[in-house]
C-alpha atoms as a PDB file:
ATOM      1  CA  UNK A   1      -4.109 -14.597 -27.119  1.00  0.00           C
ATOM      2  CA  UNK A   2      -4.150 -15.483 -23.434  1.00  0.00           C
ATOM      3  CA  UNK A   3      -2.051 -13.088 -21.385  1.00  0.00           C
ATOM      4  CA  UNK A   4      -0.184 -14.446 -18.388  1.00  0.00           C
ATOM      5  CA  UNK A   5       0.526 -12.210 -15.420  1.00  0.00           C
ATOM      6  CA  UNK A   6       2.166 -12.843 -12.048  1.00  0.00           C
ATOM      7  CA  UNK A   7       3.086 -11.755  -8.588  1.00  0.00           C
ATOM      8  CA  UNK A   8       6.621 -12.531  -7.421  1.00  0.00           C
ATOM      9  CA  UNK A   9       7.852 -12.474  -3.859  1.00  0.00           C
ATOM     10  CA  UNK A  10       9.460 -14.592  -1.156  1.00  0.00           C
ATOM     11  CA  UNK A  11       7.294 -15.955   0.332  1.00  0.00           C
ATOM     12  CA  UNK A  12       4.388 -15.337  -2.015  1.00  0.00           C
ATOM     13  CA  UNK A  13       1.879 -18.022  -1.039  1.00  0.00           C
ATOM     14  CA  UNK A  14      -0.051 -15.629   1.216  1.00  0.00           C
ATOM     15  CA  UNK A  15      -0.738 -13.114  -1.555  1.00  0.00           C
ATOM     16  CA  UNK A  16      -4.396 -12.340  -2.234  1.00  0.00           C
ATOM     17  CA  UNK A  17      -3.625 -10.648  -5.559  1.00  0.00           C
ATOM     18  CA  UNK A  18      -4.671 -13.742  -7.582  1.00  0.00           C
ATOM     19  CA  UNK A  19      -8.126 -13.470  -6.001  1.00  0.00           C
ATOM     20  CA  UNK A  20      -8.395  -9.828  -7.049  1.00  0.00           C
ATOM     21  CA  UNK A  21      -7.196 -10.221 -10.626  1.00  0.00           C
ATOM     22  CA  UNK A  22      -8.992 -13.537 -11.106  1.00  0.00           C
ATOM     23  CA  UNK A  23     -12.249 -11.802 -10.119  1.00  0.00           C
ATOM     24  CA  UNK A  24     -11.691  -9.041 -12.669  1.00  0.00           C
ATOM     25  CA  UNK A  25     -10.713 -11.464 -15.448  1.00  0.00           C
ATOM     26  CA  UNK A  26     -13.952 -13.378 -14.899  1.00  0.00           C
ATOM     27  CA  UNK A  27     -16.024 -10.208 -14.537  1.00  0.00           C
ATOM     28  CA  UNK A  28     -14.828  -8.863 -17.890  1.00  0.00           C
ATOM     29  CA  UNK A  29     -14.714 -12.209 -19.683  1.00  0.00           C
ATOM     30  CA  UNK A  30     -11.033 -11.848 -20.533  1.00  0.00           C
ATOM     31  CA  UNK A  31      -8.667 -14.606 -21.568  1.00  0.00           C
ATOM     32  CA  UNK A  32      -5.831 -14.349 -19.106  1.00  0.00           C
ATOM     33  CA  UNK A  33      -4.211 -15.719 -15.989  1.00  0.00           C
ATOM     34  CA  UNK A  34      -2.556 -14.371 -12.875  1.00  0.00           C
ATOM     35  CA  UNK A  35      -0.317 -16.630 -10.823  1.00  0.00           C
ATOM     36  CA  UNK A  36       1.954 -16.644  -7.810  1.00  0.00           C
ATOM     37  CA  UNK A  37       5.637 -17.242  -8.587  1.00  0.00           C
ATOM     38  CA  UNK A  38       8.049 -17.854  -5.722  1.00  0.00           C
ATOM     39  CA  UNK A  39      11.185 -15.822  -6.501  1.00  0.00           C
ATOM     40  CA  UNK A  40      13.867 -15.269  -3.831  1.00  0.00           C
ATOM     41  CA  UNK A  41      15.864 -12.029  -4.270  1.00  0.00           C
ATOM     42  CA  UNK A  42      18.899 -13.822  -5.725  1.00  0.00           C
ATOM     43  CA  UNK A  43      16.715 -15.232  -8.511  1.00  0.00           C
ATOM     44  CA  UNK A  44      15.087 -11.933  -9.523  1.00  0.00           C
ATOM     45  CA  UNK A  45      17.510 -11.212 -12.432  1.00  0.00           C
ATOM     46  CA  UNK A  46      16.724 -14.617 -13.927  1.00  0.00           C
ATOM     47  CA  UNK A  47      13.002 -14.026 -13.647  1.00  0.00           C
ATOM     48  CA  UNK A  48      13.333 -10.596 -15.254  1.00  0.00           C
ATOM     49  CA  UNK A  49      15.123 -12.270 -18.184  1.00  0.00           C
ATOM     50  CA  UNK A  50      12.100 -14.574 -18.566  1.00  0.00           C
ATOM     51  CA  UNK A  51       9.803 -11.548 -18.517  1.00  0.00           C
ATOM     52  CA  UNK A  52      11.756  -9.963 -21.373  1.00  0.00           C
ATOM     53  CA  UNK A  53      11.148 -13.008 -23.580  1.00  0.00           C
ATOM     54  CA  UNK A  54       7.406 -12.318 -23.611  1.00  0.00           C
ATOM     55  CA  UNK A  55       6.469 -15.209 -21.321  1.00  0.00           C
ATOM     56  CA  UNK A  56       4.402 -12.773 -19.262  1.00  0.00           C
ATOM     57  CA  UNK A  57       2.551  -9.554 -20.123  1.00  0.00           C
ATOM     58  CA  UNK A  58       3.525  -8.117 -16.753  1.00  0.00           C
ATOM     59  CA  UNK A  59       2.833  -8.499 -13.090  1.00  0.00           C
ATOM     60  CA  UNK A  60       3.303  -7.423  -9.520  1.00  0.00           C
ATOM     61  CA  UNK A  61       6.245  -7.476  -7.159  1.00  0.00           C
ATOM     62  CA  UNK A  62       5.945  -7.875  -3.400  1.00  0.00           C
ATOM     63  CA  UNK A  63       8.435  -8.050  -0.540  1.00  0.00           C
ATOM     64  CA  UNK A  64      11.348  -8.475  -0.493  1.00  0.00           C
ATOM     65  CA  UNK A  65      11.778  -7.830  -4.224  1.00  0.00           C
ATOM     66  CA  UNK A  66      10.327  -4.341  -4.732  1.00  0.00           C
ATOM     67  CA  UNK A  67      13.725  -2.684  -4.390  1.00  0.00           C
ATOM     68  CA  UNK A  68      15.630  -5.505  -6.104  1.00  0.00           C
ATOM     69  CA  UNK A  69      13.828  -5.117  -9.439  1.00  0.00           C
ATOM     70  CA  UNK A  70      14.362  -1.373  -9.781  1.00  0.00           C
ATOM     71  CA  UNK A  71      17.869  -1.328 -11.376  1.00  0.00           C
ATOM     72  CA  UNK A  72      16.825  -4.099 -13.775  1.00  0.00           C
ATOM     73  CA  UNK A  73      14.114  -2.003 -15.457  1.00  0.00           C
ATOM     74  CA  UNK A  74      14.390   0.045 -18.651  1.00  0.00           C
ATOM     75  CA  UNK A  75      11.978   2.777 -17.625  1.00  0.00           C
ATOM     76  CA  UNK A  76      10.941   3.695 -14.095  1.00  0.00           C
ATOM     77  CA  UNK A  77       8.053   6.031 -13.236  1.00  0.00           C
ATOM     78  CA  UNK A  78       8.647   9.152 -11.189  1.00  0.00           C
ATOM     79  CA  UNK A  79       6.662   7.634  -8.328  1.00  0.00           C
ATOM     80  CA  UNK A  80       8.631   4.367  -8.311  1.00  0.00           C
ATOM     81  CA  UNK A  81      11.882   6.310  -8.385  1.00  0.00           C
ATOM     82  CA  UNK A  82      10.692   8.427  -5.467  1.00  0.00           C
ATOM     83  CA  UNK A  83       9.684   5.262  -3.581  1.00  0.00           C
ATOM     84  CA  UNK A  84      12.912   3.466  -4.417  1.00  0.00           C
ATOM     85  CA  UNK A  85      10.730   0.470  -5.223  1.00  0.00           C
ATOM     86  CA  UNK A  86       8.440  -0.896  -7.950  1.00  0.00           C
ATOM     87  CA  UNK A  87       5.402  -3.109  -7.445  1.00  0.00           C
ATOM     88  CA  UNK A  88       3.950  -3.136 -10.973  1.00  0.00           C
ATOM     89  CA  UNK A  89       5.817  -4.243 -14.134  1.00  0.00           C
ATOM     90  CA  UNK A  90       4.845  -4.412 -17.795  1.00  0.00           C
ATOM     91  CA  UNK A  91       6.403  -4.718 -21.246  1.00  0.00           C
ATOM     92  CA  UNK A  92       5.743  -1.869 -23.678  1.00  0.00           C
ATOM     93  CA  UNK A  93       7.405  -1.354 -27.070  1.00  0.00           C
ATOM     94  CA  UNK A  94      10.065  -3.854 -26.166  1.00  0.00           C
ATOM     95  CA  UNK A  95      10.991  -2.077 -22.946  1.00  0.00           C
ATOM     96  CA  UNK A  96      10.400  -3.192 -19.375  1.00  0.00           C
ATOM     97  CA  UNK A  97       8.551  -0.557 -17.339  1.00  0.00           C
ATOM     98  CA  UNK A  98       8.033  -0.253 -13.592  1.00  0.00           C
ATOM     99  CA  UNK A  99       5.680   1.776 -11.424  1.00  0.00           C
ATOM    100  CA  UNK A 100       4.659   1.909  -7.773  1.00  0.00           C
ATOM    101  CA  UNK A 101       0.910   2.009  -7.119  1.00  0.00           C
ATOM    102  CA  UNK A 102       0.942   1.902  -3.306  1.00  0.00           C
ATOM    103  CA  UNK A 103       0.377   5.648  -2.905  1.00  0.00           C
ATOM    104  CA  UNK A 104      -2.384   5.522  -5.511  1.00  0.00           C
ATOM    105  CA  UNK A 105      -4.080   2.644  -3.654  1.00  0.00           C
ATOM    106  CA  UNK A 106      -3.856   4.439  -0.322  1.00  0.00           C
ATOM    107  CA  UNK A 107      -5.335   7.665  -1.715  1.00  0.00           C
ATOM    108  CA  UNK A 108      -8.067   5.977  -3.774  1.00  0.00           C
ATOM    109  CA  UNK A 109      -9.344   4.081  -0.748  1.00  0.00           C
ATOM    110  CA  UNK A 110      -9.204   7.171   1.456  1.00  0.00           C
ATOM    111  CA  UNK A 111     -11.136   9.101  -1.201  1.00  0.00           C
ATOM    112  CA  UNK A 112     -13.791   6.386  -1.294  1.00  0.00           C
ATOM    113  CA  UNK A 113     -14.154   6.174   2.494  1.00  0.00           C
ATOM    114  CA  UNK A 114     -13.892   9.863   3.431  1.00  0.00           C
ATOM    115  CA  UNK A 115     -14.681  12.130   0.459  1.00  0.00           C
ATOM    116  CA  UNK A 116     -13.058  15.531   0.897  1.00  0.00           C
ATOM    117  CA  UNK A 117     -10.606  14.277   3.523  1.00  0.00           C
ATOM    118  CA  UNK A 118      -7.717  16.382   2.186  1.00  0.00           C
ATOM    119  CA  UNK A 119      -9.532  19.638   2.867  1.00  0.00           C
ATOM    120  CA  UNK A 120      -9.899  18.755   6.529  1.00  0.00           C
ATOM    121  CA  UNK A 121      -6.459  17.196   7.099  1.00  0.00           C
ATOM    122  CA  UNK A 122      -4.096  19.998   7.993  1.00  0.00           C
ATOM    123  CA  UNK A 123      -1.965  17.714  10.160  1.00  0.00           C
ATOM    124  CA  UNK A 124      -1.305  14.010   9.607  1.00  0.00           C
ATOM    125  CA  UNK A 125       0.439  11.624  12.002  1.00  0.00           C
ATOM    126  CA  UNK A 126       2.265   8.674  10.434  1.00  0.00           C
ATOM    127  CA  UNK A 127       3.327   5.670  12.499  1.00  0.00           C
ATOM    128  CA  UNK A 128       6.304   3.824  11.013  1.00  0.00           C
ATOM    129  CA  UNK A 129       9.126   4.749   8.646  1.00  0.00           C
ATOM    130  CA  UNK A 130       9.363   1.872   6.170  1.00  0.00           C
ATOM    131  CA  UNK A 131       8.359   1.551   2.522  1.00  0.00           C
ATOM    132  CA  UNK A 132       4.641   1.840   3.252  1.00  0.00           C
ATOM    133  CA  UNK A 133       5.204   5.048   5.220  1.00  0.00           C
ATOM    134  CA  UNK A 134       7.162   6.506   2.301  1.00  0.00           C
ATOM    135  CA  UNK A 135       4.272   5.702  -0.062  1.00  0.00           C
ATOM    136  CA  UNK A 136       1.689   7.231   2.288  1.00  0.00           C
ATOM    137  CA  UNK A 137       3.753  10.390   2.823  1.00  0.00           C
ATOM    138  CA  UNK A 138       4.301  10.741  -0.921  1.00  0.00           C
ATOM    139  CA  UNK A 139       0.547  10.493  -1.488  1.00  0.00           C
ATOM    140  CA  UNK A 140      -0.287  12.986   1.238  1.00  0.00           C
ATOM    141  CA  UNK A 141       2.204  15.564  -0.028  1.00  0.00           C
ATOM    142  CA  UNK A 142       0.833  15.166  -3.558  1.00  0.00           C
ATOM    143  CA  UNK A 143      -2.614  16.027  -2.169  1.00  0.00           C
ATOM    144  CA  UNK A 144      -1.349  19.115  -0.384  1.00  0.00           C
ATOM    145  CA  UNK A 145      -1.166  17.979   3.252  1.00  0.00           C
ATOM    146  CA  UNK A 146       1.333  20.500   4.585  1.00  0.00           C
ATOM    147  CA  UNK A 147       2.176  19.158   8.046  1.00  0.00           C
ATOM    148  CA  UNK A 148       3.087  15.518   8.498  1.00  0.00           C
ATOM    149  CA  UNK A 149       4.323  14.252  11.856  1.00  0.00           C
ATOM    150  CA  UNK A 150       6.390  11.062  11.610  1.00  0.00           C
ATOM    151  CA  UNK A 151       7.159   8.708  14.490  1.00  0.00           C
ATOM    152  CA  UNK A 152       9.031   5.417  14.501  1.00  0.00           C
ATOM    153  CA  UNK A 153      10.371   3.165  17.204  1.00  0.00           C
ATOM    154  CA  UNK A 154      13.817   3.596  15.634  1.00  0.00           C
ATOM    155  CA  UNK A 155      14.224   7.403  15.566  1.00  0.00           C
ATOM    156  CA  UNK A 156      17.097   7.226  13.079  1.00  0.00           C
ATOM    157  CA  UNK A 157      14.824   5.788  10.406  1.00  0.00           C
ATOM    158  CA  UNK A 158      12.237   8.499  11.044  1.00  0.00           C
ATOM    159  CA  UNK A 159      14.884  11.197  10.624  1.00  0.00           C
ATOM    160  CA  UNK A 160      16.124   9.587   7.415  1.00  0.00           C
ATOM    161  CA  UNK A 161      12.642   9.420   5.880  1.00  0.00           C
ATOM    162  CA  UNK A 162      11.767  12.944   7.030  1.00  0.00           C
ATOM    163  CA  UNK A 163      14.874  14.220   5.241  1.00  0.00           C
ATOM    164  CA  UNK A 164      13.415  12.978   1.946  1.00  0.00           C
ATOM    165  CA  UNK A 165      10.407  15.294   2.433  1.00  0.00           C
ATOM    166  CA  UNK A 166      12.005  18.319   4.140  1.00  0.00           C
ATOM    167  CA  UNK A 167       9.178  20.793   3.522  1.00  0.00           C
ATOM    168  CA  UNK A 168       6.329  18.694   4.916  1.00  0.00           C
ATOM    169  CA  UNK A 169       7.587  16.064   7.356  1.00  0.00           C
ATOM    170  CA  UNK A 170       8.683  16.516  10.956  1.00  0.00           C
ATOM    171  CA  UNK A 171      10.274  13.555  12.755  1.00  0.00           C
ATOM    172  CA  UNK A 172       8.983  13.274  16.317  1.00  0.00           C
ATOM    173  CA  UNK A 173       9.562  10.884  19.219  1.00  0.00           C
ATOM    174  CA  UNK A 174       7.551   7.656  19.515  1.00  0.00           C
ATOM    175  CA  UNK A 175       6.970   8.364  23.201  1.00  0.00           C
ATOM    176  CA  UNK A 176       5.195  11.621  22.292  1.00  0.00           C
ATOM    177  CA  UNK A 177       2.417   9.890  20.314  1.00  0.00           C
ATOM    178  CA  UNK A 178      -0.223  10.544  22.995  1.00  0.00           C
ATOM    179  CA  UNK A 179       0.250  14.301  22.596  1.00  0.00           C
ATOM    180  CA  UNK A 180       0.559  14.164  18.799  1.00  0.00           C
ATOM    181  CA  UNK A 181      -2.729  12.255  18.499  1.00  0.00           C
ATOM    182  CA  UNK A 182      -4.558  15.303  19.810  1.00  0.00           C
ATOM    183  CA  UNK A 183      -2.919  17.547  17.182  1.00  0.00           C
ATOM    184  CA  UNK A 184      -3.764  15.313  14.240  1.00  0.00           C
ATOM    185  CA  UNK A 185      -6.655  15.299  11.777  1.00  0.00           C
ATOM    186  CA  UNK A 186      -5.491  12.075  10.116  1.00  0.00           C
ATOM    187  CA  UNK A 187      -3.582   9.197  11.718  1.00  0.00           C
ATOM    188  CA  UNK A 188      -2.087   6.384   9.616  1.00  0.00           C
ATOM    189  CA  UNK A 189      -0.499   3.218  10.959  1.00  0.00           C
ATOM    190  CA  UNK A 190       1.980   1.899   8.386  1.00  0.00           C
ATOM    191  CA  UNK A 191       3.646  -0.603  10.734  1.00  0.00           C
ATOM    192  CA  UNK A 192       2.831  -4.303  11.083  1.00  0.00           C
ATOM    193  CA  UNK A 193       2.009  -3.795  14.760  1.00  0.00           C
ATOM    194  CA  UNK A 194      -1.500  -4.989  15.484  1.00  0.00           C
ATOM    195  CA  UNK A 195      -1.438  -7.507  12.639  1.00  0.00           C
ATOM    196  CA  UNK A 196      -2.429 -11.071  13.523  1.00  0.00           C
ATOM    197  CA  UNK A 197       0.713 -12.830  14.773  1.00  0.00           C
ATOM    198  CA  UNK A 198       2.583  -9.560  15.400  1.00  0.00           C
ATOM    199  CA  UNK A 199       3.043  -7.586  18.634  1.00  0.00           C
ATOM    200  CA  UNK A 200       0.189  -5.193  19.498  1.00  0.00           C
ATOM    201  CA  UNK A 201       0.264  -1.513  18.655  1.00  0.00           C
ATOM    202  CA  UNK A 202       0.176   0.007  22.107  1.00  0.00           C
ATOM    203  CA  UNK A 203      -0.540   3.727  21.860  1.00  0.00           C
ATOM    204  CA  UNK A 204      -2.656   6.117  23.900  1.00  0.00           C
ATOM    205  CA  UNK A 205      -5.667   7.433  21.966  1.00  0.00           C
ATOM    206  CA  UNK A 206      -7.228   9.277  24.895  1.00  0.00           C
ATOM    207  CA  UNK A 207      -6.518  12.597  23.187  1.00  0.00           C
ATOM    208  CA  UNK A 208      -8.209  11.610  19.917  1.00  0.00           C
ATOM    209  CA  UNK A 209     -10.664  14.250  18.742  1.00  0.00           C
ATOM    210  CA  UNK A 210     -14.061  13.113  17.465  1.00  0.00           C
ATOM    211  CA  UNK A 211     -14.034  13.026  13.685  1.00  0.00           C
ATOM    212  CA  UNK A 212     -10.305  12.344  13.371  1.00  0.00           C
ATOM    213  CA  UNK A 213      -9.608   9.919  10.511  1.00  0.00           C
ATOM    214  CA  UNK A 214      -7.724   6.812  11.607  1.00  0.00           C
ATOM    215  CA  UNK A 215      -6.338   4.644   8.797  1.00  0.00           C
ATOM    216  CA  UNK A 216      -4.619   1.310   9.499  1.00  0.00           C
ATOM    217  CA  UNK A 217      -3.010  -0.387   6.491  1.00  0.00           C
ATOM    218  CA  UNK A 218      -3.109  -3.719   8.358  1.00  0.00           C
ATOM    219  CA  UNK A 219      -6.083  -5.810   7.186  1.00  0.00           C
ATOM    220  CA  UNK A 220      -5.696  -9.034   9.189  1.00  0.00           C
ATOM    221  CA  UNK A 221      -7.755  -8.570  11.300  1.00  0.00           C
ATOM    222  CA  UNK A 222      -9.996  -6.295   9.266  1.00  0.00           C
ATOM    223  CA  UNK A 223     -10.813  -4.209  12.334  1.00  0.00           C
ATOM    224  CA  UNK A 224      -7.531  -3.894  14.189  1.00  0.00           C
ATOM    225  CA  UNK A 225      -7.419  -2.931  17.869  1.00  0.00           C
ATOM    226  CA  UNK A 226      -6.347   0.571  16.726  1.00  0.00           C
ATOM    227  CA  UNK A 227      -9.459   0.961  14.565  1.00  0.00           C
ATOM    228  CA  UNK A 228     -11.723  -0.484  17.235  1.00  0.00           C
ATOM    229  CA  UNK A 229     -10.430   1.986  19.812  1.00  0.00           C
ATOM    230  CA  UNK A 230     -10.717   4.866  17.333  1.00  0.00           C
ATOM    231  CA  UNK A 231     -14.350   3.919  16.657  1.00  0.00           C
ATOM    232  CA  UNK A 232     -15.126   3.893  20.368  1.00  0.00           C
ATOM    233  CA  UNK A 233     -13.685   7.397  20.658  1.00  0.00           C
ATOM    234  CA  UNK A 234     -15.618   8.864  17.718  1.00  0.00           C
ATOM    235  CA  UNK A 235     -12.915   8.540  15.086  1.00  0.00           C
ATOM    236  CA  UNK A 236     -13.556   7.703  11.427  1.00  0.00           C
ATOM    237  CA  UNK A 237     -12.215   4.249  10.527  1.00  0.00           C
ATOM    238  CA  UNK A 238     -10.377   3.421   7.293  1.00  0.00           C
ATOM    239  CA  UNK A 239      -9.223  -0.202   7.102  1.00  0.00           C
ATOM    240  CA  UNK A 240      -6.287  -1.601   5.154  1.00  0.00           C
ATOM    241  CA  UNK A 241      -8.130  -3.904   2.762  1.00  0.00           C
ATOM    242  CA  UNK A 242      -9.196  -1.104   0.428  1.00  0.00           C
ATOM    243  CA  UNK A 243      -5.602  -0.016  -0.169  1.00  0.00           C
ATOM    244  CA  UNK A 244      -4.774  -3.557  -1.329  1.00  0.00           C
ATOM    245  CA  UNK A 245      -7.762  -3.573  -3.682  1.00  0.00           C
ATOM    246  CA  UNK A 246      -7.223  -0.140  -5.199  1.00  0.00           C
ATOM    247  CA  UNK A 247      -3.464  -0.501  -5.723  1.00  0.00           C
ATOM    248  CA  UNK A 248      -4.233  -3.402  -8.079  1.00  0.00           C
ATOM    249  CA  UNK A 249      -6.326  -1.302 -10.489  1.00  0.00           C
ATOM    250  CA  UNK A 250      -3.557   0.410 -12.552  1.00  0.00           C
ATOM    251  CA  UNK A 251      -1.697  -2.853 -13.172  1.00  0.00           C
ATOM    252  CA  UNK A 252      -4.761  -4.726 -14.424  1.00  0.00           C
ATOM    253  CA  UNK A 253      -5.513  -1.845 -16.792  1.00  0.00           C
ATOM    254  CA  UNK A 254      -1.933  -1.896 -18.116  1.00  0.00           C
ATOM    255  CA  UNK A 255      -1.933  -5.639 -18.782  1.00  0.00           C
ATOM    256  CA  UNK A 256      -5.466  -6.280 -20.008  1.00  0.00           C
ATOM    257  CA  UNK A 257      -6.609  -2.898 -21.382  1.00  0.00           C
ATOM    258  CA  UNK A 258      -9.683  -2.627 -19.151  1.00  0.00           C
ATOM    259  CA  UNK A 259      -9.924  -0.387 -16.097  1.00  0.00           C
ATOM    260  CA  UNK A 260     -11.569  -2.488 -13.382  1.00  0.00           C
ATOM    261  CA  UNK A 261     -13.697  -1.269 -10.506  1.00  0.00           C
ATOM    262  CA  UNK A 262     -13.345  -2.018  -6.814  1.00  0.00           C
ATOM    263  CA  UNK A 263     -16.868  -3.235  -6.059  1.00  0.00           C
ATOM    264  CA  UNK A 264     -18.710  -4.494  -3.007  1.00  0.00           C
ATOM    265  CA  UNK A 265     -18.684  -7.995  -4.532  1.00  0.00           C
ATOM    266  CA  UNK A 266     -14.897  -7.980  -4.870  1.00  0.00           C
ATOM    267  CA  UNK A 267     -14.435  -6.684  -1.359  1.00  0.00           C
ATOM    268  CA  UNK A 268     -16.768  -9.389  -0.010  1.00  0.00           C
ATOM    269  CA  UNK A 269     -14.694 -12.036  -1.768  1.00  0.00           C
ATOM    270  CA  UNK A 270     -11.518 -10.779  -0.101  1.00  0.00           C
ATOM    271  CA  UNK A 271     -13.190 -10.406   3.289  1.00  0.00           C
ATOM    272  CA  UNK A 272     -14.306 -14.040   3.095  1.00  0.00           C
ATOM    273  CA  UNK A 273     -10.680 -15.048   2.571  1.00  0.00           C
ATOM    274  CA  UNK A 274      -9.436 -13.250   5.681  1.00  0.00           C
ATOM    275  CA  UNK A 275      -9.247 -15.711   8.577  1.00  0.00           C
ATOM    276  CA  UNK A 276     -11.200 -14.977  11.731  1.00  0.00           C
ATOM    277  CA  UNK A 277      -8.755 -14.040  14.492  1.00  0.00           C
END
């Protein structure tokens, strides 16, 4: 039987998830499909009702629907509950399940790029305080990073997110980034600043220590100005494309029963789809 899977969002036309899952379906010779479905937030309950009929085996959820789907699910993973959002759905034993794989994707890519990073990351600096920052902080705390410095242009949001992780996270001022850079072993940009079409991320990296890991979850362009500057100063680059690839693995395994691999061929396919900017 051919299994149908989906990604819902609004807008959803930009999503590269069909490229990822289509590659794996072909690689493993599986009968299945993965399609984009445009679903505005007000129409999410209706789509969930369709999902319960068995029309789809499961799928992904992207902005702005990750939070909207949560109260409509029968069973929510600990991680999704902690995130307050679900990005992966599936039917199991007649019940609709939800998980959030963003933290998994972030950690899996970091593991692949910088093996042993956790043992050398006593202090992490996180830029931004949205859903992506929450996922990154959750992943870092799970791996034992004990000191996480959080900065956001809106300090109230930083304080609110820090309160959810009181033992590990310290909210700091955005204007103190230049000093905090020098204290950090790992720096992660979770904002959209620096993305093609968005305002630049203007921070001072003059205090960056050689060997500091700099991770930017933005992947258009693949090498953001932040990563380029970090490279020039002896930092270790981690781009955002790998997080997108790795976060897709658990969902594909749930729906199709095969655990796929993030390979060089898959990455090349996605890189070819990223416009030159």
